[in-house]
Amino acid sequence: MNTTAAINIIARYEARDAVKAALRAQGLKLRDFAPRGITVLVQAYLAEHPEVFDQAAAIARRCKSHK
């Protein structure tokens, strides 16, 4: 897997966790959301928080250095 793909995967994973945590904090149940609905929220989150990609790049670099 190339580094760009790894960064994108990690960023989406981190954003998904943040979105899910925000929904839970609002007292909402994840089961009330279709997977596609969460994906749309994740995409919006990534658009509003580009720093997630920087954090993902740092994680990818740490993982790559452990090889």
C-alpha atoms as a PDB file:
ATOM      1  CA  MET A   1       0.000   0.000   0.000  1.00  0.00           C
ATOM      2  CA  ASN A   2       1.369   3.407  -0.849  1.00  0.00           C
ATOM      3  CA  THR A   3       1.710   6.168   1.713  1.00  0.00           C
ATOM      4  CA  THR A   4      -1.044   8.372   0.263  1.00  0.00           C
ATOM      5  CA  ALA A   5      -3.569   5.558   0.441  1.00  0.00           C
ATOM      6  CA  ALA A   6      -2.532   4.780   4.011  1.00  0.00           C
ATOM      7  CA  ILE A   7      -2.925   8.432   5.017  1.00  0.00           C
ATOM      8  CA  ASN A   8      -6.408   8.583   3.496  1.00  0.00           C
ATOM      9  CA  ILE A   9      -7.485   5.371   5.208  1.00  0.00           C
ATOM     10  CA  ILE A  10      -6.166   6.508   8.585  1.00  0.00           C
ATOM     11  CA  ALA A  11      -7.766   9.961   8.188  1.00  0.00           C
ATOM     12  CA  ARG A  12     -11.159   8.439   7.367  1.00  0.00           C
ATOM     13  CA  TYR A  13     -10.869   6.064  10.319  1.00  0.00           C
ATOM     14  CA  GLU A  14     -10.007   8.886  12.721  1.00  0.00           C
ATOM     15  CA  ALA A  15     -12.776  11.106  11.312  1.00  0.00           C
ATOM     16  CA  ARG A  16     -15.305   8.282  11.618  1.00  0.00           C
ATOM     17  CA  ASP A  17     -14.374   7.837  15.279  1.00  0.00           C
ATOM     18  CA  ALA A  18     -14.736  11.580  15.891  1.00  0.00           C
ATOM     19  CA  VAL A  19     -18.140  11.691  14.185  1.00  0.00           C
ATOM     20  CA  LYS A  20     -19.392   8.688  16.125  1.00  0.00           C
ATOM     21  CA  ALA A  21     -18.177  10.191  19.399  1.00  0.00           C
ATOM     22  CA  ALA A  22     -19.921  13.483  18.586  1.00  0.00           C
ATOM     23  CA  LEU A  23     -23.184  11.701  17.803  1.00  0.00           C
ATOM     24  CA  ARG A  24     -22.991   9.743  21.056  1.00  0.00           C
ATOM     25  CA  ALA A  25     -22.207  12.947  22.980  1.00  0.00           C
ATOM     26  CA  GLN A  26     -25.445  14.406  21.611  1.00  0.00           C
ATOM     27  CA  GLY A  27     -27.301  11.405  23.011  1.00  0.00           C
ATOM     28  CA  LEU A  28     -27.968   9.917  19.584  1.00  0.00           C
ATOM     29  CA  LYS A  29     -27.806   6.210  18.833  1.00  0.00           C
ATOM     30  CA  LEU A  30     -25.571   5.054  15.989  1.00  0.00           C
ATOM     31  CA  ARG A  31     -28.118   2.413  15.065  1.00  0.00           C
ATOM     32  CA  ASP A  32     -30.471   5.222  14.022  1.00  0.00           C
ATOM     33  CA  PHE A  33     -28.092   6.229  11.219  1.00  0.00           C
ATOM     34  CA  ALA A  34     -27.617   4.457   7.917  1.00  0.00           C
ATOM     35  CA  PRO A  35     -23.947   3.721   7.162  1.00  0.00           C
ATOM     36  CA  ARG A  36     -24.167   6.081   4.200  1.00  0.00           C
ATOM     37  CA  GLY A  37     -25.392   8.854   6.502  1.00  0.00           C
ATOM     38  CA  ILE A  38     -22.350   8.437   8.724  1.00  0.00           C
ATOM     39  CA  THR A  39     -20.107   8.438   5.649  1.00  0.00           C
ATOM     40  CA  VAL A  40     -21.596  11.765   4.538  1.00  0.00           C
ATOM     41  CA  LEU A  41     -20.940  13.188   8.008  1.00  0.00           C
ATOM     42  CA  VAL A  42     -17.362  11.873   7.884  1.00  0.00           C
ATOM     43  CA  GLN A  43     -16.765  13.545   4.516  1.00  0.00           C
ATOM     44  CA  ALA A  44     -18.091  16.834   5.891  1.00  0.00           C
ATOM     45  CA  TYR A  45     -15.910  16.435   8.987  1.00  0.00           C
ATOM     46  CA  LEU A  46     -12.810  15.907   6.840  1.00  0.00           C
ATOM     47  CA  ALA A  47     -13.651  18.984   4.754  1.00  0.00           C
ATOM     48  CA  GLU A  48     -13.952  21.073   7.928  1.00  0.00           C
ATOM     49  CA  HIS A  49     -10.911  19.558   9.680  1.00  0.00           C
ATOM     50  CA  PRO A  50      -8.030  19.183   7.202  1.00  0.00           C
ATOM     51  CA  GLU A  51      -5.641  18.804  10.138  1.00  0.00           C
ATOM     52  CA  VAL A  52      -6.852  15.197  10.398  1.00  0.00           C
ATOM     53  CA  PHE A  53      -4.762  14.445   7.302  1.00  0.00           C
ATOM     54  CA  ASP A  54      -1.662  15.864   9.019  1.00  0.00           C
ATOM     55  CA  GLN A  55      -2.330  13.669  12.037  1.00  0.00           C
ATOM     56  CA  ALA A  56      -2.860  10.671   9.755  1.00  0.00           C
ATOM     57  CA  ALA A  57       0.422  11.387   7.966  1.00  0.00           C
ATOM     58  CA  ALA A  58       2.231  11.407  11.308  1.00  0.00           C
ATOM     59  CA  ILE A  59       0.673   8.059  12.221  1.00  0.00           C
ATOM     60  CA  ALA A  60       1.633   6.605   8.822  1.00  0.00           C
ATOM     61  CA  ARG A  61       5.223   7.807   9.235  1.00  0.00           C
ATOM     62  CA  ARG A  62       5.442   6.199  12.688  1.00  0.00           C
ATOM     63  CA  CYS A  63       4.087   2.907  11.321  1.00  0.00           C
ATOM     64  CA  LYS A  64       6.443   2.990   8.372  1.00  0.00           C
ATOM     65  CA  SER A  65       9.454   3.602  10.606  1.00  0.00           C
ATOM     66  CA  HIS A  66       8.664   0.462  12.625  1.00  0.00           C
ATOM     67  CA  LYS A  67       9.212  -1.829   9.641  1.00  0.00           C
END
